[in-house]
Protein backbone atom coordinates (compact mmCIF):
# COMPACT_ATOMS: atom_id res chain seq x y z
CA MET A 1 94.10 72.32 110.41
CA SER A 2 97.39 72.68 108.56
CA GLU A 3 100.18 74.97 109.73
CA LYS A 4 99.37 78.65 109.31
CA SER A 5 100.86 80.42 106.30
CA GLN A 6 103.82 82.65 107.11
CA LYS A 7 102.58 85.14 104.52
CA LEU A 8 99.23 85.43 106.30
CA LEU A 9 100.84 85.59 109.75
CA SER A 10 103.05 88.48 108.57
CA LEU A 11 100.05 90.21 107.02
CA ALA A 12 98.05 89.82 110.22
CA GLN A 13 100.88 91.39 112.21
CA GLN A 14 101.13 94.27 109.73
CA LEU A 15 97.39 94.98 109.69
CA ARG A 16 97.00 94.89 113.47
CA LEU A 17 99.26 97.97 113.54
CA TYR A 18 97.17 99.85 110.99
CA LYS A 19 95.70 103.19 112.02
CA PRO A 20 93.54 105.15 109.55
CA PRO A 21 94.83 108.62 108.66
CA ASP A 22 93.11 111.31 110.74
CA SER A 23 91.85 112.98 107.57
CA LEU A 24 89.94 109.81 106.69
CA ASN A 25 88.74 108.85 110.16
CA ASN A 26 87.21 112.02 111.53
CA PRO A 27 83.68 111.38 112.89
CA THR A 28 82.79 115.08 112.72
CA ARG A 29 83.73 115.22 109.04
CA ARG A 30 81.79 112.04 108.27
CA GLN A 31 78.63 113.27 110.00
CA ASN A 32 78.77 116.81 108.59
CA GLY A 33 76.06 117.55 106.05
CA ILE A 34 73.64 114.93 107.34
CA PRO A 35 70.29 116.53 108.26
CA GLN A 36 69.55 116.37 111.98
CA SER A 37 66.28 114.63 111.15
CA ALA A 38 68.16 111.79 109.47
CA LYS A 39 68.46 108.64 111.56
CA PRO A 40 72.10 107.47 111.53
CA LYS A 41 72.45 104.24 109.58
CA THR A 42 75.45 101.94 109.84
CA ALA A 43 76.47 98.83 107.95
CA ALA A 44 79.61 96.68 108.05
CA VAL A 45 81.24 94.53 105.38
CA LEU A 46 83.80 91.76 105.75
CA ILE A 47 86.99 91.83 103.70
CA CYS A 48 87.97 88.20 104.17
CA ILE A 49 91.49 87.52 102.88
CA PHE A 50 93.06 84.13 102.30
CA GLU A 51 96.07 82.72 100.45
CA GLY A 52 95.31 81.19 97.07
CA ASN A 53 96.87 78.07 95.58
CA ASP A 54 99.44 80.20 93.76
CA GLY A 55 100.40 82.09 96.90
CA ASP A 56 98.43 85.21 96.00
CA LEU A 57 96.18 87.05 98.44
CA ARG A 58 92.52 86.66 97.57
CA VAL A 59 89.28 88.13 98.89
CA ILE A 60 85.81 86.56 99.11
CA LEU A 61 82.99 88.27 97.21
CA THR A 62 79.33 87.55 96.52
CA GLU A 63 76.96 88.09 93.66
CA ARG A 64 73.71 89.38 95.17
CA SER A 65 70.54 87.44 94.48
CA SER A 66 68.34 88.51 91.57
CA ARG A 67 65.42 88.28 94.03
CA LEU A 68 66.56 91.28 96.04
CA SER A 69 64.70 94.56 95.63
CA SER A 70 67.87 96.68 95.67
CA HIS A 71 71.26 96.15 94.02
CA SER A 72 70.13 92.76 92.73
CA GLY A 73 72.75 90.85 90.76
CA GLU A 74 75.55 93.19 91.81
CA VAL A 75 78.88 92.08 93.26
CA SER A 76 79.42 92.94 96.92
CA LEU A 77 81.38 92.06 100.01
CA PRO A 78 79.54 89.96 102.61
CA GLY A 79 77.87 92.37 105.02
CA GLY A 80 74.80 94.37 105.88
CA LYS A 81 73.12 96.75 108.29
CA ARG A 82 73.97 96.80 111.95
CA GLU A 83 71.28 95.28 114.15
CA GLU A 84 70.32 96.29 117.66
CA GLY A 85 71.89 93.21 119.24
CA ASP A 86 75.27 93.66 117.53
CA ALA A 87 78.01 94.64 119.98
CA ASP A 88 80.07 96.45 117.33
CA ASP A 89 80.91 96.63 113.63
CA VAL A 90 83.01 93.47 113.82
CA GLU A 91 80.05 91.49 115.12
CA THR A 92 77.83 92.92 112.37
CA ALA A 93 80.26 91.91 109.63
CA LEU A 94 80.78 88.40 111.01
CA ARG A 95 77.07 87.83 111.63
CA GLU A 96 76.18 88.93 108.11
CA ALA A 97 78.89 86.74 106.59
CA THR A 98 77.49 83.78 108.50
CA GLU A 99 73.94 84.52 107.37
CA GLU A 100 74.84 85.22 103.74
CA ILE A 101 77.53 82.66 102.89
CA GLY A 102 77.75 80.29 105.88
CA LEU A 103 81.19 81.50 106.99
CA ASP A 104 81.90 80.30 110.55
CA PRO A 105 83.14 83.33 112.57
CA SER A 106 85.62 81.10 114.42
CA LEU A 107 87.51 80.63 111.14
CA VAL A 108 88.10 84.37 110.73
CA ASP A 109 90.88 86.22 112.52
CA VAL A 110 89.77 89.87 112.54
CA VAL A 111 92.90 92.01 112.35
CA THR A 112 91.74 95.58 111.73
CA VAL A 113 88.92 97.91 110.81
CA LEU A 114 89.42 100.41 107.98
CA GLU A 115 88.10 103.94 107.91
CA PRO A 116 84.34 104.11 107.25
CA PHE A 117 82.84 105.05 103.89
CA MET A 118 79.66 107.08 103.65
CA THR A 119 77.07 106.79 100.89
CA LYS A 120 75.20 109.84 99.65
CA TYR A 121 72.14 108.45 101.40
CA ALA A 122 73.80 108.86 104.83
CA MET A 123 74.68 105.18 105.26
CA THR A 124 78.05 104.67 106.94
CA VAL A 125 79.78 101.47 105.77
CA VAL A 126 82.56 100.08 107.96
CA PRO A 127 85.06 97.65 106.33
CA VAL A 128 86.20 94.93 108.73
CA VAL A 129 89.34 93.05 107.64
CA GLY A 130 89.69 89.39 108.60
CA ILE A 131 92.09 86.63 107.63
CA LEU A 132 90.96 83.12 106.76
CA PHE A 133 93.96 80.93 107.55
CA ASP A 134 92.23 77.65 106.70
CA LYS A 135 90.39 78.16 103.40
CA LYS A 136 89.64 74.43 103.10
CA ALA A 137 87.55 74.59 106.28
CA PHE A 138 85.17 77.05 104.63
CA ASN A 139 82.43 75.42 102.60
CA PRO A 140 80.30 78.19 101.10
CA ALA A 141 76.61 77.86 101.88
CA PRO A 142 74.98 80.87 100.21
CA ASN A 143 71.60 82.01 101.47
CA VAL A 144 69.58 81.77 98.24
CA ASN A 145 67.38 84.69 99.28
CA GLU A 146 70.37 87.01 99.42
CA VAL A 147 73.27 85.50 97.50
CA GLU A 148 73.46 83.99 94.01
CA THR A 149 77.13 83.02 94.02
CA VAL A 150 80.20 83.06 96.25
CA PHE A 151 83.54 83.56 94.49
CA ASP A 152 86.96 85.07 95.12
CA VAL A 153 89.34 87.42 93.33
CA PRO A 154 93.00 88.44 93.75
CA LEU A 155 93.16 91.47 96.04
CA GLU A 156 96.04 93.01 94.08
CA MET A 157 93.84 93.43 90.98
CA PHE A 158 92.35 96.53 92.64
CA LEU A 159 95.71 98.29 92.34
CA LYS A 160 96.31 97.39 88.71
CA ASP A 161 95.17 99.21 85.59
CA GLU A 162 94.22 95.94 83.90
CA ASN A 163 90.66 94.82 83.24
CA ARG A 164 89.54 98.18 84.62
CA ARG A 165 87.14 100.73 83.21
CA GLU A 166 86.11 104.09 84.59
CA GLN A 167 83.19 106.44 84.23
CA GLU A 168 83.20 110.11 85.15
CA LYS A 169 80.28 111.12 87.35
CA GLU A 170 79.11 114.25 89.11
CA TRP A 171 76.95 114.72 92.18
CA MET A 172 76.13 118.14 93.61
CA GLY A 173 79.08 119.65 91.77
CA ASP A 174 81.48 116.96 92.97
CA LYS A 175 83.21 115.28 90.02
CA TYR A 176 84.54 111.78 90.62
CA LEU A 177 85.37 108.50 88.90
CA LEU A 178 83.48 105.24 89.21
CA HIS A 179 85.79 102.25 88.72
CA PHE A 180 84.72 98.94 87.19
CA PHE A 181 86.92 95.85 87.55
CA ASP A 182 86.09 92.84 85.37
CA TYR A 183 87.01 89.36 86.54
CA GLN A 184 86.45 86.04 84.77
CA SER A 185 85.68 83.08 87.03
CA GLY A 186 84.98 79.90 85.09
CA SER A 187 82.53 80.77 82.35
CA LYS A 188 81.15 83.83 84.13
CA MET A 189 82.32 87.42 84.04
CA TYR A 190 81.84 89.48 87.20
CA THR A 191 82.14 93.24 87.55
CA VAL A 192 83.16 94.85 90.84
CA TRP A 193 82.28 98.53 90.93
CA ALA A 194 81.07 101.56 92.91
CA ILE A 195 81.65 101.63 96.67
CA THR A 196 82.67 97.95 96.78
CA ALA A 197 85.48 98.67 94.31
CA SER A 198 86.55 101.74 96.28
CA ILE A 199 86.65 99.82 99.56
CA LEU A 200 88.79 97.13 97.92
CA ILE A 201 91.12 99.71 96.35
CA ARG A 202 91.65 101.08 99.84
CA ALA A 203 92.12 97.62 101.36
CA ALA A 204 94.63 96.63 98.67
CA SER A 205 96.52 99.91 99.17
CA VAL A 206 96.81 99.19 102.90
CA VAL A 207 97.76 95.53 102.43
CA TYR A 208 100.35 96.12 99.69
CA GLN A 209 101.41 99.51 101.05
CA ARG A 210 101.27 101.29 97.73
CA PRO A 211 98.74 103.41 95.81
CA PRO A 212 96.81 102.19 92.77
CA ALA A 213 98.40 102.49 89.32
CA PHE A 214 95.59 104.79 88.18
CA LEU A 215 93.92 108.01 89.26
CA GLU A 216 91.31 107.08 91.85
CA GLN A 217 89.43 110.38 92.30
CA LYS A 218 86.74 108.98 94.55
CA PRO A 219 83.71 111.08 95.55
CA THR A 220 84.33 113.21 98.63
CA PHE A 221 81.05 112.12 100.21
CA TRP A 222 82.37 108.56 100.63
CA ASN A 223 84.50 109.89 103.50
CA GLY A 224 82.07 112.61 104.49
CA ASN A 225 81.81 116.07 103.00
CA PRO A 226 81.66 119.11 105.28
CA ASP A 227 80.57 121.46 102.51
CA LYS A 228 77.45 119.85 101.06
CA ALA A 229 74.13 118.76 102.49
CA ILE A 230 73.21 115.12 101.96
CA ASP A 231 69.70 114.35 100.80
CA THR A 232 67.80 111.46 102.37
């Protein structure tokens, strides 16, 4: 393995000190509104950052298989539901990344966990941030039953108002914006949107220590909503 990048070493040191704001990491707030009959569901995703050939920070994404019954063909972060044998969210994210794209957990230096996001279907999604110091050691091996393609994008694009579209939505009186980021890789155009886009906006904001250049206006239920019931 070649010498570790100073940029990535500095980033790792910065992210290990990260603590989510209390307003975004309150378990009571996140669980409020979920019916008592609802079985808590948790998933974890891996935000795997590496340094590109041009020195930019990049993140690994997948295009979900067209064979899947839900969210087929959509762009997502490697990840999935927590299983009974998983020790914690970090183990879930690393296990799923191994199963989906063949990423060896020993190559990933997990540096922090961001505040969880909650879907309107009571699924809590925990973003785990890891750094891939040796990108050349990773040879993508996508599981054809789950993943169509493995690709990467510059993390900073989720702070820029370029190649971005938005759509105003409303759910139970809560108005919010859905963001769509288009990215050309080779001959194919990918679109990152919905909760994946929001997670990456948050990750980029933490990494670059600045807010996005556009109004985010994410749905309140993604960080829990104490005022509205959540249907299951």
